[in-house]
Full PDB file with SEQRES, HELIX, SHEET, SSBOND, CRYST1, ORIGX, SCALE, CONECT and MASTER records, all heavy atoms in Angstrom:
SEQRES   1 A   38  LEU ASP GLU ASP LEU GLU LYS TRP VAL ARG ASN ASN ALA          
SEQRES   2 A   38  ASP THR VAL ASN HIS CYS SER GLY THR ALA ARG ILE GLY          
SEQRES   3 A   38  ASN THR GLU LYS ASP GLY VAL VAL ASP ALA GLN LEU              
HELIX    1 AA1 ASP A    2  ASN A   12  1                                  11    
CRYST1    1.000    1.000    1.000  90.00  90.00  90.00 P 1           1          
ORIGX1      1.000000  0.000000  0.000000        0.00000                         
ORIGX2      0.000000  1.000000  0.000000        0.00000                         
ORIGX3      0.000000  0.000000  1.000000        0.00000                         
SCALE1      1.000000  0.000000  0.000000        0.00000                         
SCALE2      0.000000  1.000000  0.000000        0.00000                         
SCALE3      0.000000  0.000000  1.000000        0.00000                         
ATOM      1  N   LEU A   1      -9.979  50.345 -38.551  1.00  0.00           N  
ATOM      2  CA  LEU A   1     -10.179  51.759 -38.864  1.00  0.00           C  
ATOM      3  C   LEU A   1     -11.361  52.339 -38.096  1.00  0.00           C  
ATOM      4  O   LEU A   1     -12.374  51.662 -37.868  1.00  0.00           O  
ATOM      5  CB  LEU A   1     -10.419  51.936 -40.359  1.00  0.00           C  
ATOM      6  CG  LEU A   1      -9.300  51.481 -41.306  1.00  0.00           C  
ATOM      7  CD1 LEU A   1      -9.743  51.676 -42.757  1.00  0.00           C  
ATOM      8  CD2 LEU A   1      -8.009  52.237 -41.023  1.00  0.00           C  
ATOM      9  N   ASP A   2     -11.247  53.613 -37.729  1.00  0.00           N  
ATOM     10  CA  ASP A   2     -12.358  54.318 -37.076  1.00  0.00           C  
ATOM     11  C   ASP A   2     -13.617  54.269 -37.938  1.00  0.00           C  
ATOM     12  O   ASP A   2     -14.722  54.095 -37.425  1.00  0.00           O  
ATOM     13  CB  ASP A   2     -11.990  55.782 -36.826  1.00  0.00           C  
ATOM     14  CG  ASP A   2     -11.146  55.972 -35.575  1.00  0.00           C  
ATOM     15  OD1 ASP A   2     -10.775  54.959 -34.958  1.00  0.00           O  
ATOM     16  OD2 ASP A   2     -10.886  57.136 -35.207  1.00  0.00           O  
ATOM     17  N   GLU A   3     -13.455  54.442 -39.248  1.00  0.00           N  
ATOM     18  CA  GLU A   3     -14.614  54.470 -40.138  1.00  0.00           C  
ATOM     19  C   GLU A   3     -15.381  53.158 -40.094  1.00  0.00           C  
ATOM     20  O   GLU A   3     -16.615  53.134 -40.109  1.00  0.00           O  
ATOM     21  CB  GLU A   3     -14.175  54.759 -41.580  1.00  0.00           C  
ATOM     22  CG  GLU A   3     -13.465  56.095 -41.751  1.00  0.00           C  
ATOM     23  CD  GLU A   3     -11.957  55.985 -41.635  1.00  0.00           C  
ATOM     24  OE1 GLU A   3     -11.486  55.537 -40.569  1.00  0.00           O  
ATOM     25  OE2 GLU A   3     -11.262  56.325 -42.605  1.00  0.00           O  
ATOM     26  N   ASP A   4     -14.646  52.053 -40.040  1.00  0.00           N  
ATOM     27  CA  ASP A   4     -15.301  50.744 -39.993  1.00  0.00           C  
ATOM     28  C   ASP A   4     -16.004  50.539 -38.649  1.00  0.00           C  
ATOM     29  O   ASP A   4     -17.115  49.992 -38.592  1.00  0.00           O  
ATOM     30  CB  ASP A   4     -14.282  49.627 -40.228  1.00  0.00           C  
ATOM     31  CG  ASP A   4     -13.781  49.607 -41.675  1.00  0.00           C  
ATOM     32  OD1 ASP A   4     -14.469  50.166 -42.549  1.00  0.00           O  
ATOM     33  OD2 ASP A   4     -12.701  49.033 -41.925  1.00  0.00           O  
ATOM     34  N   LEU A   5     -15.359  50.973 -37.573  1.00  0.00           N  
ATOM     35  CA  LEU A   5     -15.989  50.856 -36.252  1.00  0.00           C  
ATOM     36  C   LEU A   5     -17.242  51.710 -36.171  1.00  0.00           C  
ATOM     37  O   LEU A   5     -18.250  51.301 -35.588  1.00  0.00           O  
ATOM     38  CB  LEU A   5     -15.000  51.246 -35.155  1.00  0.00           C  
ATOM     39  CG  LEU A   5     -13.838  50.273 -34.926  1.00  0.00           C  
ATOM     40  CD1 LEU A   5     -12.892  50.830 -33.881  1.00  0.00           C  
ATOM     41  CD2 LEU A   5     -14.336  48.894 -34.520  1.00  0.00           C  
ATOM     42  N   GLU A   6     -17.202  52.881 -36.783  1.00  0.00           N  
ATOM     43  CA  GLU A   6     -18.376  53.754 -36.757  1.00  0.00           C  
ATOM     44  C   GLU A   6     -19.553  53.101 -37.481  1.00  0.00           C  
ATOM     45  O   GLU A   6     -20.695  53.135 -36.995  1.00  0.00           O  
ATOM     46  CB  GLU A   6     -18.058  55.110 -37.380  1.00  0.00           C  
ATOM     47  CG  GLU A   6     -19.257  56.041 -37.390  1.00  0.00           C  
ATOM     48  CD  GLU A   6     -18.933  57.441 -37.873  1.00  0.00           C  
ATOM     49  OE1 GLU A   6     -17.747  57.850 -37.812  1.00  0.00           O  
ATOM     50  OE2 GLU A   6     -19.867  58.148 -38.304  1.00  0.00           O  
ATOM     51  N   LYS A   7     -19.294  52.508 -38.636  1.00  0.00           N  
ATOM     52  CA  LYS A   7     -20.368  51.824 -39.364  1.00  0.00           C  
ATOM     53  C   LYS A   7     -20.964  50.708 -38.504  1.00  0.00           C  
ATOM     54  O   LYS A   7     -22.186  50.532 -38.456  1.00  0.00           O  
ATOM     55  CB  LYS A   7     -19.832  51.238 -40.675  1.00  0.00           C  
ATOM     56  CG  LYS A   7     -19.465  52.277 -41.719  1.00  0.00           C  
ATOM     57  CD  LYS A   7     -18.880  51.603 -42.957  1.00  0.00           C  
ATOM     58  CE  LYS A   7     -18.435  52.626 -43.987  1.00  0.00           C  
ATOM     59  NZ  LYS A   7     -17.788  51.970 -45.168  1.00  0.00           N  
ATOM     60  N   TRP A   8     -20.089  49.965 -37.851  1.00  0.00           N  
ATOM     61  CA  TRP A   8     -20.564  48.854 -37.030  1.00  0.00           C  
ATOM     62  C   TRP A   8     -21.378  49.363 -35.826  1.00  0.00           C  
ATOM     63  O   TRP A   8     -22.407  48.782 -35.483  1.00  0.00           O  
ATOM     64  CB  TRP A   8     -19.368  48.033 -36.554  1.00  0.00           C  
ATOM     65  CG  TRP A   8     -19.762  46.840 -35.740  1.00  0.00           C  
ATOM     66  CD1 TRP A   8     -20.194  45.633 -36.205  1.00  0.00           C  
ATOM     67  CD2 TRP A   8     -19.785  46.749 -34.319  1.00  0.00           C  
ATOM     68  NE1 TRP A   8     -20.479  44.783 -35.156  1.00  0.00           N  
ATOM     69  CE2 TRP A   8     -20.233  45.444 -33.990  1.00  0.00           C  
ATOM     70  CE3 TRP A   8     -19.462  47.633 -33.289  1.00  0.00           C  
ATOM     71  CZ2 TRP A   8     -20.364  45.013 -32.669  1.00  0.00           C  
ATOM     72  CZ3 TRP A   8     -19.601  47.203 -31.974  1.00  0.00           C  
ATOM     73  CH2 TRP A   8     -20.056  45.910 -31.677  1.00  0.00           C  
ATOM     74  N   VAL A   9     -20.931  50.447 -35.217  1.00  0.00           N  
ATOM     75  CA  VAL A   9     -21.650  51.019 -34.077  1.00  0.00           C  
ATOM     76  C   VAL A   9     -23.067  51.408 -34.479  1.00  0.00           C  
ATOM     77  O   VAL A   9     -24.042  51.108 -33.775  1.00  0.00           O  
ATOM     78  CB  VAL A   9     -20.898  52.241 -33.512  1.00  0.00           C  
ATOM     79  CG1 VAL A   9     -21.796  53.035 -32.551  1.00  0.00           C  
ATOM     80  CG2 VAL A   9     -19.633  51.801 -32.787  1.00  0.00           C  
ATOM     81  N   ARG A  10     -23.215  52.058 -35.606  1.00  0.00           N  
ATOM     82  CA  ARG A  10     -24.544  52.529 -36.016  1.00  0.00           C  
ATOM     83  C   ARG A  10     -25.495  51.360 -36.302  1.00  0.00           C  
ATOM     84  O   ARG A  10     -26.705  51.506 -36.194  1.00  0.00           O  
ATOM     85  CB  ARG A  10     -24.420  53.440 -37.235  1.00  0.00           C  
ATOM     86  CG  ARG A  10     -23.665  54.737 -36.943  1.00  0.00           C  
ATOM     87  CD  ARG A  10     -23.786  55.733 -38.066  1.00  0.00           C  
ATOM     88  NE  ARG A  10     -22.911  56.887 -37.875  1.00  0.00           N  
ATOM     89  CZ  ARG A  10     -23.183  57.920 -37.078  1.00  0.00           C  
ATOM     90  NH1 ARG A  10     -24.314  57.943 -36.394  1.00  0.00           N  
ATOM     91  NH2 ARG A  10     -22.340  58.934 -36.980  1.00  0.00           N  
ATOM     92  N   ASN A  11     -24.941  50.204 -36.622  1.00  0.00           N  
ATOM     93  CA  ASN A  11     -25.770  49.030 -36.885  1.00  0.00           C  
ATOM     94  C   ASN A  11     -26.014  48.166 -35.649  1.00  0.00           C  
ATOM     95  O   ASN A  11     -26.869  47.273 -35.686  1.00  0.00           O  
ATOM     96  CB  ASN A  11     -25.125  48.165 -37.972  1.00  0.00           C  
ATOM     97  CG  ASN A  11     -25.281  48.751 -39.353  1.00  0.00           C  
ATOM     98  OD1 ASN A  11     -26.301  49.363 -39.668  1.00  0.00           O  
ATOM     99  ND2 ASN A  11     -24.266  48.592 -40.189  1.00  0.00           N  
ATOM    100  N   ASN A  12     -25.266  48.430 -34.561  1.00  0.00           N  
ATOM    101  CA  ASN A  12     -25.321  47.515 -33.427  1.00  0.00           C  
ATOM    102  C   ASN A  12     -25.551  48.182 -32.070  1.00  0.00           C  
ATOM    103  O   ASN A  12     -25.740  47.466 -31.080  1.00  0.00           O  
ATOM    104  CB  ASN A  12     -24.028  46.696 -33.355  1.00  0.00           C  
ATOM    105  CG  ASN A  12     -23.910  45.700 -34.485  1.00  0.00           C  
ATOM    106  OD1 ASN A  12     -24.437  44.599 -34.416  1.00  0.00           O  
ATOM    107  ND2 ASN A  12     -23.221  46.094 -35.558  1.00  0.00           N  
ATOM    108  N   ALA A  13     -25.546  49.490 -32.006  1.00  0.00           N  
ATOM    109  CA  ALA A  13     -25.753  50.163 -30.718  1.00  0.00           C  
ATOM    110  C   ALA A  13     -27.139  49.845 -30.174  1.00  0.00           C  
ATOM    111  O   ALA A  13     -28.104  49.661 -30.920  1.00  0.00           O  
ATOM    112  CB  ALA A  13     -25.575  51.664 -30.878  1.00  0.00           C  
ATOM    113  N   ASP A  14     -27.235  49.793 -28.856  1.00  0.00           N  
ATOM    114  CA  ASP A  14     -28.473  49.415 -28.189  1.00  0.00           C  
ATOM    115  C   ASP A  14     -28.581  50.193 -26.882  1.00  0.00           C  
ATOM    116  O   ASP A  14     -27.629  50.847 -26.452  1.00  0.00           O  
ATOM    117  CB  ASP A  14     -28.472  47.905 -27.929  1.00  0.00           C  
ATOM    118  CG  ASP A  14     -29.868  47.307 -27.807  1.00  0.00           C  
ATOM    119  OD1 ASP A  14     -30.835  48.083 -27.663  1.00  0.00           O  
ATOM    120  OD2 ASP A  14     -29.993  46.074 -27.838  1.00  0.00           O  
ATOM    121  N   THR A  15     -29.731  50.088 -26.237  1.00  0.00           N  
ATOM    122  CA  THR A  15     -29.938  50.782 -24.973  1.00  0.00           C  
ATOM    123  C   THR A  15     -29.549  49.902 -23.790  1.00  0.00           C  
ATOM    124  O   THR A  15     -29.664  48.673 -23.845  1.00  0.00           O  
ATOM    125  CB  THR A  15     -31.407  51.200 -24.798  1.00  0.00           C  
ATOM    126  OG1 THR A  15     -31.590  51.762 -23.487  1.00  0.00           O  
ATOM    127  CG2 THR A  15     -32.349  50.021 -24.949  1.00  0.00           C  
ATOM    128  N   VAL A  16     -29.122  50.544 -22.699  1.00  0.00           N  
ATOM    129  CA  VAL A  16     -28.871  49.851 -21.441  1.00  0.00           C  
ATOM    130  C   VAL A  16     -30.136  49.866 -20.575  1.00  0.00           C  
ATOM    131  O   VAL A  16     -30.169  49.290 -19.510  1.00  0.00           O  
ATOM    132  CB  VAL A  16     -27.691  50.494 -20.685  1.00  0.00           C  
ATOM    133  CG1 VAL A  16     -27.224  49.625 -19.529  1.00  0.00           C  
ATOM    134  CG2 VAL A  16     -26.514  50.738 -21.619  1.00  0.00           C  
ATOM    135  N   ASN A  17     -31.164  50.541 -21.058  1.00  0.00           N  
ATOM    136  CA  ASN A  17     -32.454  50.625 -20.356  1.00  0.00           C  
ATOM    137  C   ASN A  17     -32.343  51.416 -19.049  1.00  0.00           C  
ATOM    138  O   ASN A  17     -32.825  50.983 -18.006  1.00  0.00           O  
ATOM    139  CB  ASN A  17     -33.020  49.226 -20.077  1.00  0.00           C  
ATOM    140  CG  ASN A  17     -33.103  48.384 -21.317  1.00  0.00           C  
ATOM    141  OD1 ASN A  17     -33.503  48.860 -22.368  1.00  0.00           O  
ATOM    142  ND2 ASN A  17     -32.682  47.125 -21.216  1.00  0.00           N  
ATOM    143  N   HIS A  18     -31.719  52.581 -19.128  1.00  0.00           N  
ATOM    144  CA  HIS A  18     -31.555  53.449 -17.967  1.00  0.00           C  
ATOM    145  C   HIS A  18     -32.249  54.793 -18.195  1.00  0.00           C  
ATOM    146  O   HIS A  18     -31.684  55.849 -17.916  1.00  0.00           O  
ATOM    147  CB  HIS A  18     -30.069  53.684 -17.676  1.00  0.00           C  
ATOM    148  CG  HIS A  18     -29.354  52.465 -17.183  1.00  0.00           C  
ATOM    149  ND1 HIS A  18     -27.979  52.401 -17.066  1.00  0.00           N  
ATOM    150  CD2 HIS A  18     -29.813  51.255 -16.764  1.00  0.00           C  
ATOM    151  CE1 HIS A  18     -27.631  51.208 -16.605  1.00  0.00           C  
ATOM    152  NE2 HIS A  18     -28.734  50.496 -16.412  1.00  0.00           N  
ATOM    153  N   CYS A  19     -33.473  54.777 -18.693  1.00  0.00           N  
ATOM    154  CA  CYS A  19     -34.193  56.014 -18.978  1.00  0.00           C  
ATOM    155  C   CYS A  19     -34.327  56.870 -17.721  1.00  0.00           C  
ATOM    156  O   CYS A  19     -34.610  56.360 -16.633  1.00  0.00           O  
ATOM    157  CB  CYS A  19     -35.589  55.707 -19.506  1.00  0.00           C  
ATOM    158  SG  CYS A  19     -35.617  54.899 -21.105  1.00  0.00           S  
ATOM    159  N   SER A  20     -34.158  58.173 -17.885  1.00  0.00           N  
ATOM    160  CA  SER A  20     -34.294  59.092 -16.756  1.00  0.00           C  
ATOM    161  C   SER A  20     -34.450  60.515 -17.275  1.00  0.00           C  
ATOM    162  O   SER A  20     -34.341  60.783 -18.471  1.00  0.00           O  
ATOM    163  CB  SER A  20     -33.062  59.000 -15.834  1.00  0.00           C  
ATOM    164  OG  SER A  20     -31.898  59.437 -16.511  1.00  0.00           O  
ATOM    165  N   GLY A  21     -34.722  61.447 -16.350  1.00  0.00           N  
ATOM    166  CA  GLY A  21     -34.640  62.875 -16.634  1.00  0.00           C  
ATOM    167  C   GLY A  21     -35.868  63.551 -17.180  1.00  0.00           C  
ATOM    168  O   GLY A  21     -35.862  64.763 -17.383  1.00  0.00           O  
ATOM    169  N   THR A  22     -36.969  62.827 -17.437  1.00  0.00           N  
ATOM    170  CA  THR A  22     -38.104  63.374 -18.169  1.00  0.00           C  
ATOM    171  C   THR A  22     -39.068  64.212 -17.322  1.00  0.00           C  
ATOM    172  O   THR A  22     -40.036  64.749 -17.838  1.00  0.00           O  
ATOM    173  CB  THR A  22     -38.889  62.221 -18.816  1.00  0.00           C  
ATOM    174  OG1 THR A  22     -39.088  61.195 -17.838  1.00  0.00           O  
ATOM    175  CG2 THR A  22     -38.114  61.644 -19.997  1.00  0.00           C  
ATOM    176  N   ALA A  23     -38.795  64.291 -16.021  1.00  0.00           N  
ATOM    177  CA  ALA A  23     -39.543  65.217 -15.148  1.00  0.00           C  
ATOM    178  C   ALA A  23     -38.540  65.795 -14.150  1.00  0.00           C  
ATOM    179  O   ALA A  23     -38.713  65.721 -12.946  1.00  0.00           O  
ATOM    180  CB  ALA A  23     -40.687  64.512 -14.430  1.00  0.00           C  
ATOM    181  N   ARG A  24     -37.495  66.357 -14.680  1.00  0.00           N  
ATOM    182  CA  ARG A  24     -36.318  66.668 -13.877  1.00  0.00           C  
ATOM    183  C   ARG A  24     -36.555  67.744 -12.831  1.00  0.00           C  
ATOM    184  O   ARG A  24     -37.417  68.620 -12.975  1.00  0.00           O  
ATOM    185  CB  ARG A  24     -35.169  67.099 -14.781  1.00  0.00           C  
ATOM    186  CG  ARG A  24     -35.383  68.408 -15.509  1.00  0.00           C  
ATOM    187  CD  ARG A  24     -34.193  68.735 -16.400  1.00  0.00           C  
ATOM    188  NE  ARG A  24     -34.428  69.917 -17.211  1.00  0.00           N  
ATOM    189  CZ  ARG A  24     -33.625  70.313 -18.192  1.00  0.00           C  
ATOM    190  NH1 ARG A  24     -32.542  69.615 -18.472  1.00  0.00           N  
ATOM    191  NH2 ARG A  24     -33.909  71.388 -18.895  1.00  0.00           N  
ATOM    192  N   ILE A  25     -35.727  67.669 -11.792  1.00  0.00           N  
ATOM    193  CA  ILE A  25     -35.693  68.718 -10.782  1.00  0.00           C  
ATOM    194  C   ILE A  25     -35.109  69.978 -11.422  1.00  0.00           C  
ATOM    195  O   ILE A  25     -34.101  69.913 -12.135  1.00  0.00           O  
ATOM    196  CB  ILE A  25     -34.814  68.312  -9.592  1.00  0.00           C  
ATOM    197  CG1 ILE A  25     -35.318  67.010  -8.958  1.00  0.00           C  
ATOM    198  CG2 ILE A  25     -34.772  69.422  -8.547  1.00  0.00           C  
ATOM    199  CD1 ILE A  25     -34.378  66.436  -7.911  1.00  0.00           C  
ATOM    200  N   GLY A  26     -35.735  71.108 -11.172  1.00  0.00           N  
ATOM    201  CA  GLY A  26     -35.242  72.375 -11.697  1.00  0.00           C  
ATOM    202  C   GLY A  26     -35.356  73.481 -10.673  1.00  0.00           C  
ATOM    203  O   GLY A  26     -35.907  73.307  -9.575  1.00  0.00           O  
ATOM    204  N   ASN A  27     -34.836  74.639 -11.028  1.00  0.00           N  
ATOM    205  CA  ASN A  27     -34.971  75.816 -10.163  1.00  0.00           C  
ATOM    206  C   ASN A  27     -36.388  76.372 -10.221  1.00  0.00           C  
ATOM    207  O   ASN A  27     -36.948  76.774  -9.199  1.00  0.00           O  
ATOM    208  CB  ASN A  27     -33.966  76.898 -10.590  1.00  0.00           C  
ATOM    209  CG  ASN A  27     -32.537  76.508 -10.285  1.00  0.00           C  
ATOM    210  OD1 ASN A  27     -32.141  76.423  -9.130  1.00  0.00           O  
ATOM    211  ND2 ASN A  27     -31.756  76.252 -11.324  1.00  0.00           N  
ATOM    212  N   THR A  28     -36.941  76.408 -11.437  1.00  0.00           N  
ATOM    213  CA  THR A  28     -38.302  76.892 -11.654  1.00  0.00           C  
ATOM    214  C   THR A  28     -38.922  76.072 -12.772  1.00  0.00           C  
ATOM    215  O   THR A  28     -38.260  75.229 -13.381  1.00  0.00           O  
ATOM    216  CB  THR A  28     -38.326  78.377 -12.064  1.00  0.00           C  
ATOM    217  OG1 THR A  28     -37.766  78.507 -13.391  1.00  0.00           O  
ATOM    218  CG2 THR A  28     -37.527  79.254 -11.088  1.00  0.00           C  
ATOM    219  N   GLU A  29     -40.168  76.355 -13.086  1.00  0.00           N  
ATOM    220  CA  GLU A  29     -40.823  75.649 -14.181  1.00  0.00           C  
ATOM    221  C   GLU A  29     -40.214  76.007 -15.529  1.00  0.00           C  
ATOM    222  O   GLU A  29     -40.510  75.361 -16.542  1.00  0.00           O  
ATOM    223  CB  GLU A  29     -42.314  75.932 -14.191  1.00  0.00           C  
ATOM    224  CG  GLU A  29     -42.688  77.386 -14.356  1.00  0.00           C  
ATOM    225  CD  GLU A  29     -44.177  77.603 -14.147  1.00  0.00           C  
ATOM    226  OE1 GLU A  29     -44.658  77.424 -13.012  1.00  0.00           O  
ATOM    227  OE2 GLU A  29     -44.841  77.945 -15.136  1.00  0.00           O  
ATOM    228  N   LYS A  30     -39.343  77.006 -15.566  1.00  0.00           N  
ATOM    229  CA  LYS A  30     -38.677  77.364 -16.811  1.00  0.00           C  
ATOM    230  C   LYS A  30     -37.560  76.401 -17.178  1.00  0.00           C  
ATOM    231  O   LYS A  30     -37.108  76.380 -18.324  1.00  0.00           O  
ATOM    232  CB  LYS A  30     -38.137  78.791 -16.724  1.00  0.00           C  
ATOM    233  CG  LYS A  30     -39.220  79.854 -16.614  1.00  0.00           C  
ATOM    234  CD  LYS A  30     -38.621  81.251 -16.559  1.00  0.00           C  
ATOM    235  CE  LYS A  30     -39.703  82.322 -16.483  1.00  0.00           C  
ATOM    236  NZ  LYS A  30     -39.137  83.693 -16.428  1.00  0.00           N  
ATOM    237  N   ASP A  31     -37.085  75.620 -16.201  1.00  0.00           N  
ATOM    238  CA  ASP A  31     -36.016  74.675 -16.521  1.00  0.00           C  
ATOM    239  C   ASP A  31     -36.250  73.280 -15.939  1.00  0.00           C  
ATOM    240  O   ASP A  31     -35.369  72.432 -16.001  1.00  0.00           O  
ATOM    241  CB  ASP A  31     -34.650  75.205 -16.064  1.00  0.00           C  
ATOM    242  CG  ASP A  31     -34.532  75.336 -14.545  1.00  0.00           C  
ATOM    243  OD1 ASP A  31     -35.525  75.077 -13.843  1.00  0.00           O  
ATOM    244  OD2 ASP A  31     -33.446  75.702 -14.070  1.00  0.00           O  
ATOM    245  N   GLY A  32     -37.424  73.034 -15.371  1.00  0.00           N  
ATOM    246  CA  GLY A  32     -37.685  71.728 -14.791  1.00  0.00           C  
ATOM    247  C   GLY A  32     -39.170  71.438 -14.645  1.00  0.00           C  
ATOM    248  O   GLY A  32     -40.025  72.220 -15.071  1.00  0.00           O  
ATOM    249  N   VAL A  33     -39.456  70.305 -14.018  1.00  0.00           N  
ATOM    250  CA  VAL A  33     -40.839  69.862 -13.809  1.00  0.00           C  
ATOM    251  C   VAL A  33     -41.188  69.821 -12.333  1.00  0.00           C  
ATOM    252  O   VAL A  33     -42.312  70.124 -11.938  1.00  0.00           O  
ATOM    253  CB  VAL A  33     -41.059  68.469 -14.441  1.00  0.00           C  
ATOM    254  CG1 VAL A  33     -42.459  67.942 -14.149  1.00  0.00           C  
ATOM    255  CG2 VAL A  33     -40.824  68.538 -15.954  1.00  0.00           C  
ATOM    256  N   VAL A  34     -40.205  69.458 -11.489  1.00  0.00           N  
ATOM    257  CA  VAL A  34     -40.429  69.411 -10.048  1.00  0.00           C  
ATOM    258  C   VAL A  34     -39.377  70.249  -9.346  1.00  0.00           C  
ATOM    259  O   VAL A  34     -38.285  70.484  -9.874  1.00  0.00           O  
ATOM    260  CB  VAL A  34     -40.389  67.955  -9.516  1.00  0.00           C  
ATOM    261  CG1 VAL A  34     -41.472  67.109 -10.166  1.00  0.00           C  
ATOM    262  CG2 VAL A  34     -39.015  67.323  -9.719  1.00  0.00           C  
ATOM    263  N   ASP A  35     -39.724  70.692  -8.121  1.00  0.00           N  
ATOM    264  CA  ASP A  35     -38.762  71.448  -7.330  1.00  0.00           C  
ATOM    265  C   ASP A  35     -37.899  70.500  -6.509  1.00  0.00           C  
ATOM    266  O   ASP A  35     -37.994  69.274  -6.642  1.00  0.00           O  
ATOM    267  CB  ASP A  35     -39.474  72.481  -6.449  1.00  0.00           C  
ATOM    268  CG  ASP A  35     -40.388  71.850  -5.394  1.00  0.00           C  
ATOM    269  OD1 ASP A  35     -40.261  70.628  -5.126  1.00  0.00           O  
ATOM    270  OD2 ASP A  35     -41.233  72.581  -4.833  1.00  0.00           O  
ATOM    271  N   ALA A  36     -37.064  71.041  -5.635  1.00  0.00           N  
ATOM    272  CA  ALA A  36     -36.141  70.215  -4.862  1.00  0.00           C  
ATOM    273  C   ALA A  36     -36.859  69.328  -3.849  1.00  0.00           C  
ATOM    274  O   ALA A  36     -36.260  68.394  -3.307  1.00  0.00           O  
ATOM    275  CB  ALA A  36     -35.108  71.088  -4.163  1.00  0.00           C  
ATOM    276  N   GLN A  37     -38.139  69.592  -3.595  1.00  0.00           N  
ATOM    277  CA  GLN A  37     -38.945  68.720  -2.744  1.00  0.00           C  
ATOM    278  C   GLN A  37     -39.714  67.698  -3.582  1.00  0.00           C  
ATOM    279  O   GLN A  37     -40.553  66.961  -3.060  1.00  0.00           O  
ATOM    280  CB  GLN A  37     -39.930  69.558  -1.927  1.00  0.00           C  
ATOM    281  CG  GLN A  37     -39.277  70.592  -1.024  1.00  0.00           C  
ATOM    282  CD  GLN A  37     -38.450  69.959   0.081  1.00  0.00           C  
ATOM    283  OE1 GLN A  37     -38.954  69.096   0.797  1.00  0.00           O  
ATOM    284  NE2 GLN A  37     -37.200  70.372   0.208  1.00  0.00           N  
ATOM    285  N   LEU A  38     -39.440  67.668  -4.885  1.00  0.00           N  
ATOM    286  CA  LEU A  38     -40.053  66.763  -5.857  1.00  0.00           C  
ATOM    287  C   LEU A  38     -41.530  67.063  -6.091  1.00  0.00           C  
ATOM    288  O   LEU A  38     -42.278  66.215  -6.587  1.00  0.00           O  
ATOM    289  CB  LEU A  38     -39.861  65.295  -5.452  1.00  0.00           C  
ATOM    290  CG  LEU A  38     -38.429  64.877  -5.105  1.00  0.00           C  
ATOM    291  CD1 LEU A  38     -38.345  63.371  -4.879  1.00  0.00           C  
ATOM    292  CD2 LEU A  38     -37.441  65.294  -6.184  1.00  0.00           C  
TER     293      LEU A  38                                                      
MASTER        0    0    0    1    0    0    0    6  292    1    0    3          
END                                                                             
């Protein structure tokens, strides 16, 4: 059942260790941290 799989997922999900995006490229400082030249 989907319900049983959902319970199991919430108890067993883990990270793949692919953190990203926390100083993202943006058009301006209103939507990002760095410009296209980084």
